[in-house]
């Protein structure tokens, strides 16, 4: 994406940086860049500092791959949580949705789903770490909480084929979730019923 010849180079670079963010098209990238330009210097500095801070201080939990400032993360450190149940989610953001309905087990974040068209295969997901956990921890059930999309279903089935031979129960959120929906935007009652009505593969 290139701006007009009269656009100063720093603005062009900022627009291109915003355009690389997910869900930000060319027009939105331009609006964000010009918004930053109009804000007081202290607000722009605060934004830049927040970006630097998150990259410097936030990492992946060495156990569940959640995003965290301390390693292991607070969920993995909490001895009150049920270590026999692991809820597998696509993204760290999905944990917040599951937490809202009172789930008290542990988590594992894949950081994506199988998507051959975009070049995302099993080796791009954190499946090896999940299998290591199943070998080292007393896990009785793995709950697949991937989104009810084609890619989410394919990922859930693939994990089921990997985990079932280990003698661990593999369940899936019930079909109360509408097809194509994201967990992040699902209301608490629907999500709670889907968790309670989860089914074995």
N, C-alpha and C. Protein backbone atom coordinates (compact mmCIF):
# COMPACT_ATOMS: atom_id res chain seq x y z
N UNK A 1 0.86 -1.19 0.00
CA UNK A 1 0.00 0.00 0.00
C UNK A 1 0.89 1.23 0.00
N UNK A 2 0.74 2.09 -1.00
CA UNK A 2 1.59 3.27 -1.08
C UNK A 2 0.72 4.52 -1.09
N UNK A 3 1.19 5.54 -0.39
CA UNK A 3 0.45 6.80 -0.33
C UNK A 3 0.89 7.68 -1.49
N UNK A 4 0.21 8.82 -1.63
CA UNK A 4 0.55 9.76 -2.69
C UNK A 4 1.96 10.33 -2.52
N UNK A 5 2.49 10.86 -3.61
CA UNK A 5 3.86 11.37 -3.60
C UNK A 5 4.03 12.50 -2.60
N UNK A 6 2.94 13.23 -2.30
CA UNK A 6 3.05 14.36 -1.39
C UNK A 6 2.94 13.99 0.08
N UNK A 7 2.68 12.72 0.39
CA UNK A 7 2.54 12.30 1.78
C UNK A 7 3.91 12.14 2.42
N UNK A 8 4.13 12.81 3.55
CA UNK A 8 5.44 12.67 4.22
C UNK A 8 5.74 11.21 4.56
N UNK A 9 6.99 10.84 4.47
CA UNK A 9 7.41 9.45 4.67
C UNK A 9 7.03 8.90 6.04
N UNK A 10 7.15 9.64 7.15
CA UNK A 10 6.73 9.09 8.45
C UNK A 10 5.26 8.72 8.50
N UNK A 11 4.40 9.53 7.83
CA UNK A 11 2.96 9.22 7.80
C UNK A 11 2.73 7.94 6.98
N UNK A 12 3.42 7.84 5.85
CA UNK A 12 3.30 6.64 5.01
C UNK A 12 3.68 5.40 5.79
N UNK A 13 4.77 5.47 6.53
CA UNK A 13 5.22 4.33 7.32
C UNK A 13 4.20 3.97 8.40
N UNK A 14 3.62 4.98 9.05
CA UNK A 14 2.62 4.73 10.09
C UNK A 14 1.37 4.10 9.50
N UNK A 15 0.92 4.59 8.36
CA UNK A 15 -0.25 4.01 7.69
C UNK A 15 0.01 2.54 7.34
N UNK A 16 1.19 2.27 6.81
CA UNK A 16 1.53 0.89 6.45
C UNK A 16 1.59 -0.01 7.68
N UNK A 17 2.08 0.54 8.81
CA UNK A 17 2.14 -0.24 10.06
C UNK A 17 0.74 -0.58 10.56
N UNK A 18 -0.16 0.40 10.53
CA UNK A 18 -1.54 0.15 10.95
C UNK A 18 -2.23 -0.85 10.01
N UNK A 19 -1.92 -0.74 8.70
CA UNK A 19 -2.57 -1.60 7.71
C UNK A 19 -2.19 -3.08 7.90
N UNK A 20 -1.07 -3.34 8.53
CA UNK A 20 -0.63 -4.72 8.78
C UNK A 20 -1.40 -5.36 9.93
N UNK A 21 -2.11 -4.56 10.74
CA UNK A 21 -2.89 -5.10 11.85
C UNK A 21 -4.13 -5.82 11.32
N UNK A 22 -4.55 -6.91 11.99
CA UNK A 22 -5.72 -7.65 11.51
C UNK A 22 -6.98 -6.80 11.57
N UNK A 23 -7.76 -6.86 10.49
CA UNK A 23 -9.04 -6.14 10.45
C UNK A 23 -8.92 -4.66 10.11
N UNK A 24 -7.71 -4.19 9.83
CA UNK A 24 -7.52 -2.77 9.50
C UNK A 24 -7.26 -2.65 8.01
N UNK A 25 -8.24 -2.09 7.30
CA UNK A 25 -8.10 -1.86 5.86
C UNK A 25 -7.36 -0.57 5.58
N UNK A 26 -7.15 -0.27 4.30
CA UNK A 26 -6.39 0.94 3.93
C UNK A 26 -6.99 2.24 4.47
N UNK A 27 -8.32 2.38 4.37
CA UNK A 27 -8.96 3.62 4.84
C UNK A 27 -8.87 3.74 6.36
N UNK A 28 -9.10 2.64 7.08
CA UNK A 28 -8.98 2.67 8.54
C UNK A 28 -7.55 3.00 8.96
N UNK A 29 -6.59 2.44 8.25
CA UNK A 29 -5.18 2.71 8.55
C UNK A 29 -4.88 4.19 8.39
N UNK A 30 -5.42 4.79 7.34
CA UNK A 30 -5.21 6.23 7.12
C UNK A 30 -5.85 7.04 8.24
N UNK A 31 -7.09 6.68 8.62
CA UNK A 31 -7.78 7.42 9.68
C UNK A 31 -7.01 7.33 11.00
N UNK A 32 -6.52 6.13 11.32
CA UNK A 32 -5.76 5.96 12.56
C UNK A 32 -4.47 6.79 12.53
N UNK A 33 -3.78 6.76 11.41
CA UNK A 33 -2.52 7.52 11.30
C UNK A 33 -2.76 9.01 11.48
N UNK A 34 -3.78 9.53 10.81
CA UNK A 34 -4.05 10.97 10.93
C UNK A 34 -4.63 11.32 12.30
N UNK A 35 -5.31 10.37 12.93
CA UNK A 35 -5.76 10.59 14.31
C UNK A 35 -4.56 10.74 15.25
N UNK A 36 -3.58 9.85 15.09
CA UNK A 36 -2.37 9.93 15.92
C UNK A 36 -1.67 11.27 15.68
N UNK A 37 -1.66 11.71 14.44
CA UNK A 37 -1.01 12.98 14.09
C UNK A 37 -1.67 14.16 14.81
N UNK A 38 -3.00 14.09 14.99
CA UNK A 38 -3.74 15.20 15.62
C UNK A 38 -3.73 15.15 17.15
N UNK A 39 -3.36 14.00 17.74
CA UNK A 39 -3.40 13.89 19.20
C UNK A 39 -2.25 14.66 19.83
N UNK A 40 -2.41 15.06 21.09
CA UNK A 40 -1.31 15.73 21.80
C UNK A 40 -0.09 14.81 21.88
N UNK A 41 1.11 15.36 21.90
CA UNK A 41 2.33 14.54 21.93
C UNK A 41 2.35 13.51 23.06
N UNK A 42 1.80 13.88 24.24
CA UNK A 42 1.84 12.94 25.37
C UNK A 42 0.99 11.70 25.11
N UNK A 43 -0.13 11.83 24.36
CA UNK A 43 -0.96 10.68 24.03
C UNK A 43 -0.25 9.76 23.04
N UNK A 44 0.40 10.35 22.04
CA UNK A 44 1.16 9.54 21.08
C UNK A 44 2.30 8.83 21.78
N UNK A 45 2.97 9.50 22.71
CA UNK A 45 4.06 8.89 23.47
C UNK A 45 3.54 7.75 24.34
N UNK A 46 2.35 7.94 24.93
CA UNK A 46 1.76 6.89 25.77
C UNK A 46 1.45 5.65 24.94
N UNK A 47 0.95 5.85 23.71
CA UNK A 47 0.67 4.73 22.82
C UNK A 47 1.97 4.00 22.47
N UNK A 48 2.99 4.76 22.11
CA UNK A 48 4.28 4.16 21.75
C UNK A 48 4.86 3.40 22.95
N UNK A 49 4.76 3.99 24.14
CA UNK A 49 5.29 3.35 25.35
C UNK A 49 4.54 2.05 25.66
N UNK A 50 3.21 2.06 25.46
CA UNK A 50 2.40 0.86 25.71
C UNK A 50 2.80 -0.26 24.76
N UNK A 51 3.05 0.08 23.50
CA UNK A 51 3.48 -0.92 22.52
C UNK A 51 4.85 -1.50 22.88
N UNK A 52 5.78 -0.62 23.27
CA UNK A 52 7.12 -1.10 23.66
C UNK A 52 7.03 -1.98 24.90
N UNK A 53 6.19 -1.56 25.85
CA UNK A 53 6.06 -2.26 27.13
C UNK A 53 5.50 -3.67 26.94
N UNK A 54 4.47 -3.78 26.09
CA UNK A 54 3.83 -5.09 25.91
C UNK A 54 4.80 -6.05 25.22
N UNK A 55 5.63 -5.55 24.30
CA UNK A 55 6.60 -6.42 23.64
C UNK A 55 7.75 -6.79 24.57
N UNK A 56 8.08 -5.91 25.50
CA UNK A 56 9.21 -6.17 26.40
C UNK A 56 8.81 -7.06 27.58
N UNK A 57 7.58 -6.93 28.07
CA UNK A 57 7.21 -7.59 29.33
C UNK A 57 6.29 -8.79 29.19
N UNK A 58 5.58 -8.91 28.08
CA UNK A 58 4.62 -10.00 27.94
C UNK A 58 5.26 -11.15 27.17
N UNK A 59 5.05 -12.37 27.66
CA UNK A 59 5.61 -13.57 27.04
C UNK A 59 4.56 -14.67 27.07
N UNK A 60 4.90 -15.81 26.53
CA UNK A 60 4.01 -16.97 26.58
C UNK A 60 4.34 -17.79 27.82
N UNK A 61 3.29 -18.27 28.49
CA UNK A 61 3.46 -19.16 29.63
C UNK A 61 4.15 -20.44 29.15
N UNK A 62 5.15 -20.90 29.87
CA UNK A 62 5.89 -22.09 29.46
C UNK A 62 5.07 -23.37 29.62
N UNK A 63 3.93 -23.30 30.32
CA UNK A 63 3.09 -24.48 30.52
C UNK A 63 1.94 -24.50 29.51
N UNK A 64 1.10 -23.45 29.53
CA UNK A 64 -0.14 -23.48 28.72
C UNK A 64 -0.09 -22.58 27.50
N UNK A 65 0.96 -21.80 27.33
CA UNK A 65 1.14 -20.89 26.19
C UNK A 65 0.21 -19.69 26.22
N UNK A 66 -0.42 -19.41 27.37
CA UNK A 66 -1.21 -18.20 27.53
C UNK A 66 -0.25 -17.02 27.55
N UNK A 67 -0.75 -15.82 27.27
CA UNK A 67 0.10 -14.64 27.40
C UNK A 67 0.17 -14.26 28.87
N UNK A 68 1.36 -13.86 29.31
CA UNK A 68 1.54 -13.60 30.74
C UNK A 68 2.71 -12.67 30.97
N UNK A 69 2.70 -12.05 32.14
CA UNK A 69 3.85 -11.25 32.56
C UNK A 69 4.76 -12.07 33.46
N UNK A 70 4.17 -13.04 34.18
CA UNK A 70 4.96 -13.93 35.03
C UNK A 70 4.85 -15.35 34.49
N UNK A 71 5.90 -16.12 34.62
CA UNK A 71 5.90 -17.47 34.09
C UNK A 71 6.17 -18.47 35.21
N UNK A 72 5.28 -19.47 35.43
CA UNK A 72 4.04 -19.73 34.70
C UNK A 72 2.97 -18.68 34.98
N UNK A 73 1.91 -18.71 34.16
CA UNK A 73 0.84 -17.72 34.30
C UNK A 73 0.01 -17.98 35.56
N UNK A 74 -0.87 -17.05 35.88
CA UNK A 74 -1.66 -17.15 37.11
C UNK A 74 -2.58 -18.37 37.11
N UNK A 75 -3.09 -18.78 35.93
CA UNK A 75 -3.95 -19.96 35.88
C UNK A 75 -3.16 -21.23 36.20
N UNK A 76 -1.96 -21.32 35.69
CA UNK A 76 -1.13 -22.51 35.93
C UNK A 76 -0.59 -22.54 37.36
N UNK A 77 -0.42 -21.39 37.97
CA UNK A 77 0.07 -21.31 39.35
C UNK A 77 -1.01 -21.60 40.38
N UNK A 78 -2.26 -21.45 40.00
CA UNK A 78 -3.38 -21.56 40.95
C UNK A 78 -3.63 -23.03 41.31
N UNK A 79 -3.24 -23.41 42.51
CA UNK A 79 -3.39 -24.81 42.96
C UNK A 79 -4.84 -25.20 43.17
N UNK A 80 -5.76 -24.23 43.24
CA UNK A 80 -7.18 -24.53 43.44
C UNK A 80 -7.87 -24.99 42.15
N UNK A 81 -7.21 -24.82 41.01
CA UNK A 81 -7.81 -25.21 39.74
C UNK A 81 -7.70 -26.72 39.53
N UNK A 82 -8.66 -27.28 38.79
CA UNK A 82 -8.71 -28.72 38.55
C UNK A 82 -7.68 -29.10 37.48
N UNK A 83 -6.58 -29.71 37.90
CA UNK A 83 -5.49 -30.06 36.99
C UNK A 83 -5.83 -31.27 36.12
N UNK A 84 -6.95 -31.94 36.38
CA UNK A 84 -7.30 -33.13 35.60
C UNK A 84 -8.03 -32.77 34.31
N UNK A 85 -8.40 -31.49 34.14
CA UNK A 85 -9.14 -31.05 32.96
C UNK A 85 -8.40 -29.91 32.27
N UNK A 86 -8.14 -30.07 30.99
CA UNK A 86 -7.50 -29.02 30.20
C UNK A 86 -8.46 -28.57 29.11
N UNK A 87 -8.73 -27.29 29.06
CA UNK A 87 -9.57 -26.70 28.03
C UNK A 87 -8.65 -26.13 26.95
N UNK A 88 -8.76 -26.64 25.73
CA UNK A 88 -7.90 -26.22 24.62
C UNK A 88 -8.62 -25.15 23.82
N UNK A 89 -7.97 -23.98 23.67
CA UNK A 89 -8.57 -22.86 22.95
C UNK A 89 -7.66 -22.43 21.81
N UNK A 90 -8.24 -21.68 20.88
CA UNK A 90 -7.47 -21.22 19.73
C UNK A 90 -6.51 -20.10 20.11
N UNK A 91 -7.03 -19.11 20.83
CA UNK A 91 -6.26 -17.91 21.15
C UNK A 91 -6.38 -17.59 22.63
N UNK A 92 -5.40 -16.85 23.15
CA UNK A 92 -5.41 -16.48 24.56
C UNK A 92 -6.67 -15.69 24.92
N UNK A 93 -7.19 -14.93 23.98
CA UNK A 93 -8.39 -14.13 24.22
C UNK A 93 -9.59 -15.01 24.57
N UNK A 94 -9.61 -16.24 24.04
CA UNK A 94 -10.73 -17.15 24.31
C UNK A 94 -10.80 -17.57 25.77
N UNK A 95 -9.67 -17.52 26.47
CA UNK A 95 -9.66 -17.88 27.90
C UNK A 95 -10.58 -16.95 28.68
N UNK A 96 -10.59 -15.69 28.33
CA UNK A 96 -11.43 -14.72 29.05
C UNK A 96 -12.90 -15.10 28.94
N UNK A 97 -13.32 -15.58 27.76
CA UNK A 97 -14.71 -15.99 27.58
C UNK A 97 -15.03 -17.20 28.44
N UNK A 98 -14.14 -18.19 28.46
CA UNK A 98 -14.37 -19.40 29.26
C UNK A 98 -14.35 -19.07 30.76
N UNK A 99 -13.49 -18.17 31.16
CA UNK A 99 -13.40 -17.77 32.57
C UNK A 99 -14.68 -17.11 33.05
N UNK A 100 -15.34 -16.37 32.17
CA UNK A 100 -16.56 -15.65 32.55
C UNK A 100 -17.64 -16.58 33.05
N UNK A 101 -17.63 -17.84 32.60
CA UNK A 101 -18.71 -18.76 32.98
C UNK A 101 -18.29 -19.68 34.12
N UNK A 102 -17.13 -19.40 34.73
CA UNK A 102 -16.75 -20.10 35.95
C UNK A 102 -15.98 -21.39 35.77
N UNK A 103 -15.40 -21.63 34.60
CA UNK A 103 -14.59 -22.83 34.40
C UNK A 103 -13.40 -22.79 35.35
N UNK A 104 -13.11 -23.92 36.02
CA UNK A 104 -12.04 -23.93 37.03
C UNK A 104 -10.94 -24.95 36.73
N UNK A 105 -10.86 -25.38 35.47
CA UNK A 105 -9.78 -26.28 35.09
C UNK A 105 -8.58 -25.49 34.61
N UNK A 106 -7.76 -26.13 33.81
CA UNK A 106 -6.57 -25.48 33.26
C UNK A 106 -6.75 -25.29 31.76
N UNK A 107 -5.82 -24.60 31.13
CA UNK A 107 -5.95 -24.23 29.73
C UNK A 107 -4.73 -24.67 28.92
N UNK A 108 -4.95 -24.70 27.59
CA UNK A 108 -3.84 -24.83 26.65
C UNK A 108 -4.21 -24.01 25.42
N UNK A 109 -3.31 -23.12 25.01
CA UNK A 109 -3.57 -22.21 23.89
C UNK A 109 -2.80 -22.69 22.66
N UNK A 110 -3.52 -22.94 21.58
CA UNK A 110 -2.90 -23.41 20.34
C UNK A 110 -2.26 -22.29 19.53
N UNK A 111 -2.76 -21.08 19.68
CA UNK A 111 -2.34 -19.92 18.89
C UNK A 111 -2.62 -20.13 17.40
N UNK A 112 -3.84 -20.58 17.13
CA UNK A 112 -4.27 -20.75 15.75
C UNK A 112 -5.07 -22.02 15.56
N UNK A 113 -5.45 -22.27 14.31
CA UNK A 113 -6.17 -23.49 13.94
C UNK A 113 -5.58 -23.99 12.63
N UNK A 114 -5.84 -25.25 12.33
CA UNK A 114 -5.37 -25.81 11.07
C UNK A 114 -6.03 -25.07 9.92
N UNK A 115 -5.22 -24.61 8.99
CA UNK A 115 -5.73 -23.88 7.84
C UNK A 115 -4.74 -24.04 6.68
N UNK A 116 -4.84 -25.16 5.94
CA UNK A 116 -3.89 -25.44 4.87
C UNK A 116 -3.81 -24.33 3.82
N UNK A 117 -4.93 -23.66 3.56
CA UNK A 117 -4.94 -22.59 2.55
C UNK A 117 -3.99 -21.47 2.93
N UNK A 118 -3.92 -21.18 4.25
CA UNK A 118 -3.01 -20.13 4.72
C UNK A 118 -1.68 -20.69 5.20
N UNK A 119 -1.46 -21.96 4.95
CA UNK A 119 -0.18 -22.57 5.29
C UNK A 119 -0.01 -22.90 6.77
N UNK A 120 -1.12 -23.03 7.49
CA UNK A 120 -1.05 -23.37 8.91
C UNK A 120 -1.31 -24.86 9.07
N UNK A 121 -0.24 -25.61 9.36
CA UNK A 121 -0.35 -27.04 9.58
C UNK A 121 -0.17 -27.36 11.05
N UNK A 122 -0.18 -28.64 11.41
CA UNK A 122 -0.03 -29.04 12.82
C UNK A 122 1.24 -28.54 13.47
N UNK A 123 2.31 -28.43 12.68
CA UNK A 123 3.59 -27.98 13.26
C UNK A 123 3.57 -26.50 13.64
N UNK A 124 2.62 -25.73 13.11
CA UNK A 124 2.52 -24.32 13.48
C UNK A 124 1.73 -24.11 14.77
N UNK A 125 1.00 -25.13 15.21
CA UNK A 125 0.22 -25.04 16.45
C UNK A 125 1.03 -25.65 17.59
N UNK A 126 0.64 -25.36 18.81
CA UNK A 126 1.38 -25.84 19.99
C UNK A 126 0.84 -27.19 20.46
N UNK A 127 0.85 -28.16 19.54
CA UNK A 127 0.33 -29.49 19.84
C UNK A 127 1.36 -30.35 20.56
N UNK A 128 2.62 -30.16 20.23
CA UNK A 128 3.68 -30.93 20.88
C UNK A 128 3.70 -30.65 22.38
N UNK A 129 3.51 -29.37 22.73
CA UNK A 129 3.48 -28.99 24.14
C UNK A 129 2.26 -29.60 24.86
N UNK A 130 1.12 -29.69 24.15
CA UNK A 130 -0.07 -30.31 24.73
C UNK A 130 0.20 -31.79 25.02
N UNK A 131 0.79 -32.49 24.07
CA UNK A 131 1.07 -33.91 24.26
C UNK A 131 2.07 -34.13 25.39
N UNK A 132 3.03 -33.23 25.52
CA UNK A 132 3.98 -33.32 26.63
C UNK A 132 3.26 -33.19 27.96
N UNK A 133 2.31 -32.27 28.03
CA UNK A 133 1.54 -32.09 29.26
C UNK A 133 0.74 -33.34 29.60
N UNK A 134 0.17 -33.96 28.60
CA UNK A 134 -0.63 -35.16 28.84
C UNK A 134 0.24 -36.31 29.33
N UNK A 135 1.51 -36.28 28.96
CA UNK A 135 2.43 -37.31 29.43
C UNK A 135 2.94 -37.05 30.83
N UNK A 136 2.97 -35.77 31.23
CA UNK A 136 3.56 -35.40 32.52
C UNK A 136 2.53 -35.11 33.61
N UNK A 137 1.30 -34.78 33.24
CA UNK A 137 0.29 -34.38 34.21
C UNK A 137 -0.82 -35.43 34.28
N UNK A 138 -1.56 -35.43 35.39
CA UNK A 138 -2.66 -36.38 35.58
C UNK A 138 -3.94 -35.83 34.94
N UNK A 139 -3.95 -35.78 33.63
CA UNK A 139 -5.09 -35.22 32.90
C UNK A 139 -6.07 -36.33 32.53
N UNK A 140 -7.35 -36.12 32.87
CA UNK A 140 -8.38 -37.11 32.56
C UNK A 140 -9.26 -36.69 31.39
N UNK A 141 -9.34 -35.35 31.16
CA UNK A 141 -10.21 -34.87 30.08
C UNK A 141 -9.59 -33.67 29.39
N UNK A 142 -9.68 -33.67 28.06
CA UNK A 142 -9.31 -32.51 27.25
C UNK A 142 -10.59 -32.00 26.60
N UNK A 143 -10.93 -30.74 26.89
CA UNK A 143 -12.13 -30.13 26.30
C UNK A 143 -11.70 -29.27 25.12
N UNK A 144 -12.18 -29.60 23.93
CA UNK A 144 -11.86 -28.81 22.75
C UNK A 144 -12.83 -27.64 22.65
N UNK A 145 -12.29 -26.44 22.85
CA UNK A 145 -13.11 -25.23 22.81
C UNK A 145 -12.69 -24.35 21.65
N UNK A 146 -12.40 -24.99 20.50
CA UNK A 146 -12.10 -24.22 19.30
C UNK A 146 -13.42 -23.67 18.75
N UNK A 147 -13.33 -22.63 17.94
CA UNK A 147 -14.53 -22.01 17.39
C UNK A 147 -15.27 -22.98 16.46
N UNK A 148 -16.61 -22.88 16.39
CA UNK A 148 -17.39 -23.78 15.55
C UNK A 148 -17.33 -23.40 14.07
N UNK A 149 -16.12 -23.25 13.55
CA UNK A 149 -15.89 -22.97 12.13
C UNK A 149 -15.32 -24.22 11.49
N UNK A 150 -15.17 -24.20 10.19
CA UNK A 150 -14.60 -25.35 9.47
C UNK A 150 -13.20 -25.65 10.00
N UNK A 151 -12.39 -24.59 10.19
CA UNK A 151 -11.02 -24.77 10.67
C UNK A 151 -11.00 -25.23 12.12
N UNK A 152 -11.92 -24.68 12.93
CA UNK A 152 -11.99 -25.07 14.34
C UNK A 152 -12.39 -26.53 14.49
N UNK A 153 -13.34 -26.97 13.66
CA UNK A 153 -13.78 -28.38 13.69
C UNK A 153 -12.66 -29.31 13.26
N UNK A 154 -11.94 -28.92 12.19
CA UNK A 154 -10.84 -29.74 11.69
C UNK A 154 -9.75 -29.87 12.75
N UNK A 155 -9.48 -28.77 13.45
CA UNK A 155 -8.46 -28.78 14.50
C UNK A 155 -8.89 -29.67 15.65
N UNK A 156 -10.15 -29.57 16.04
CA UNK A 156 -10.67 -30.40 17.14
C UNK A 156 -10.57 -31.88 16.79
N UNK A 157 -10.92 -32.24 15.56
CA UNK A 157 -10.84 -33.63 15.14
C UNK A 157 -9.39 -34.12 15.11
N UNK A 158 -8.49 -33.26 14.68
CA UNK A 158 -7.07 -33.64 14.62
C UNK A 158 -6.52 -33.88 16.03
N UNK A 159 -6.86 -32.99 16.96
CA UNK A 159 -6.41 -33.16 18.35
C UNK A 159 -7.01 -34.43 18.94
N UNK A 160 -8.28 -34.69 18.63
CA UNK A 160 -8.93 -35.92 19.11
C UNK A 160 -8.15 -37.16 18.66
N UNK A 161 -7.73 -37.18 17.38
CA UNK A 161 -6.98 -38.33 16.86
C UNK A 161 -5.63 -38.47 17.56
N UNK A 162 -5.04 -37.35 17.97
CA UNK A 162 -3.75 -37.40 18.67
C UNK A 162 -3.89 -37.86 20.12
N UNK A 163 -4.96 -37.39 20.79
CA UNK A 163 -5.09 -37.56 22.24
C UNK A 163 -5.82 -38.84 22.64
N UNK A 164 -6.84 -39.23 21.88
CA UNK A 164 -7.66 -40.39 22.25
C UNK A 164 -6.84 -41.66 22.51
N UNK A 165 -5.81 -41.98 21.70
CA UNK A 165 -5.03 -43.19 21.98
C UNK A 165 -4.30 -43.17 23.32
N UNK A 166 -4.19 -42.01 23.94
CA UNK A 166 -3.51 -41.91 25.24
C UNK A 166 -4.44 -42.27 26.40
N UNK A 167 -5.70 -42.56 26.09
CA UNK A 167 -6.64 -42.94 27.15
C UNK A 167 -7.25 -41.75 27.87
N UNK A 168 -7.10 -40.56 27.28
CA UNK A 168 -7.67 -39.34 27.87
C UNK A 168 -8.99 -39.03 27.18
N UNK A 169 -10.03 -38.73 27.96
CA UNK A 169 -11.32 -38.36 27.38
C UNK A 169 -11.17 -37.05 26.61
N UNK A 170 -11.71 -37.01 25.39
CA UNK A 170 -11.70 -35.79 24.59
C UNK A 170 -13.15 -35.40 24.34
N UNK A 171 -13.53 -34.20 24.77
CA UNK A 171 -14.90 -33.73 24.57
C UNK A 171 -14.88 -32.44 23.77
N UNK A 172 -16.05 -32.07 23.29
CA UNK A 172 -16.21 -30.88 22.45
C UNK A 172 -17.33 -30.05 23.04
N UNK A 173 -17.22 -28.73 22.98
CA UNK A 173 -18.33 -27.89 23.43
C UNK A 173 -19.59 -28.29 22.67
N UNK A 174 -20.74 -28.26 23.36
CA UNK A 174 -22.01 -28.65 22.75
C UNK A 174 -22.36 -27.71 21.61
N UNK A 175 -23.28 -28.14 20.79
CA UNK A 175 -23.63 -27.38 19.59
C UNK A 175 -24.51 -26.18 19.86
N UNK A 176 -24.60 -25.74 21.09
CA UNK A 176 -25.36 -24.52 21.38
C UNK A 176 -24.71 -23.31 20.77
N UNK A 177 -23.46 -23.47 20.34
CA UNK A 177 -22.75 -22.36 19.71
C UNK A 177 -23.12 -22.29 18.23
N UNK A 178 -23.50 -21.12 17.73
CA UNK A 178 -23.86 -21.02 16.31
C UNK A 178 -22.65 -21.25 15.42
N UNK A 179 -22.86 -21.89 14.29
CA UNK A 179 -21.76 -22.17 13.36
C UNK A 179 -21.16 -20.87 12.85
N UNK A 180 -19.84 -20.81 12.85
CA UNK A 180 -19.14 -19.63 12.37
C UNK A 180 -18.95 -18.56 13.42
N UNK A 181 -19.45 -18.77 14.65
CA UNK A 181 -19.35 -17.74 15.69
C UNK A 181 -17.97 -17.81 16.36
N UNK A 182 -17.55 -16.70 16.98
CA UNK A 182 -16.32 -16.65 17.76
C UNK A 182 -16.68 -16.70 19.23
N UNK A 183 -15.89 -17.45 20.02
CA UNK A 183 -16.13 -17.54 21.46
C UNK A 183 -16.11 -16.16 22.11
N UNK A 184 -15.21 -15.33 21.62
CA UNK A 184 -15.03 -13.99 22.20
C UNK A 184 -16.33 -13.20 22.25
N UNK A 185 -17.23 -13.42 21.26
CA UNK A 185 -18.45 -12.63 21.15
C UNK A 185 -19.70 -13.41 21.58
N UNK A 186 -19.51 -14.61 22.10
CA UNK A 186 -20.64 -15.43 22.51
C UNK A 186 -21.13 -15.02 23.90
N UNK A 187 -22.45 -14.95 24.08
CA UNK A 187 -22.97 -14.55 25.39
C UNK A 187 -22.70 -15.65 26.41
N UNK A 188 -22.65 -15.25 27.68
CA UNK A 188 -22.24 -16.15 28.76
C UNK A 188 -23.17 -17.35 28.91
N UNK A 189 -24.48 -17.15 28.75
CA UNK A 189 -25.43 -18.25 28.95
C UNK A 189 -25.23 -19.32 27.88
N UNK A 190 -25.10 -18.91 26.63
CA UNK A 190 -24.88 -19.86 25.54
C UNK A 190 -23.58 -20.63 25.75
N UNK A 191 -22.53 -19.89 26.14
CA UNK A 191 -21.23 -20.52 26.35
C UNK A 191 -21.26 -21.47 27.53
N UNK A 192 -21.97 -21.08 28.59
CA UNK A 192 -22.07 -21.91 29.78
C UNK A 192 -22.80 -23.22 29.45
N UNK A 193 -23.89 -23.12 28.68
CA UNK A 193 -24.64 -24.32 28.29
C UNK A 193 -23.80 -25.22 27.37
N UNK A 194 -23.02 -24.60 26.50
CA UNK A 194 -22.17 -25.37 25.59
C UNK A 194 -21.11 -26.13 26.37
N UNK A 195 -20.57 -25.51 27.41
CA UNK A 195 -19.56 -26.18 28.23
C UNK A 195 -20.19 -27.33 29.02
N UNK A 196 -21.35 -27.05 29.63
CA UNK A 196 -22.02 -28.09 30.44
C UNK A 196 -22.47 -29.27 29.56
N UNK A 197 -22.88 -28.97 28.34
CA UNK A 197 -23.39 -30.03 27.46
C UNK A 197 -22.35 -30.57 26.52
N UNK A 198 -21.08 -30.41 26.86
CA UNK A 198 -20.01 -30.89 25.97
C UNK A 198 -20.17 -32.38 25.73
N UNK A 199 -19.71 -32.80 24.56
CA UNK A 199 -19.91 -34.18 24.14
C UNK A 199 -18.58 -34.84 23.85
N UNK A 200 -18.55 -36.16 24.06
CA UNK A 200 -17.37 -36.92 23.65
C UNK A 200 -17.35 -36.99 22.12
N UNK A 201 -16.17 -37.15 21.57
CA UNK A 201 -16.04 -37.32 20.13
C UNK A 201 -16.56 -38.70 19.74
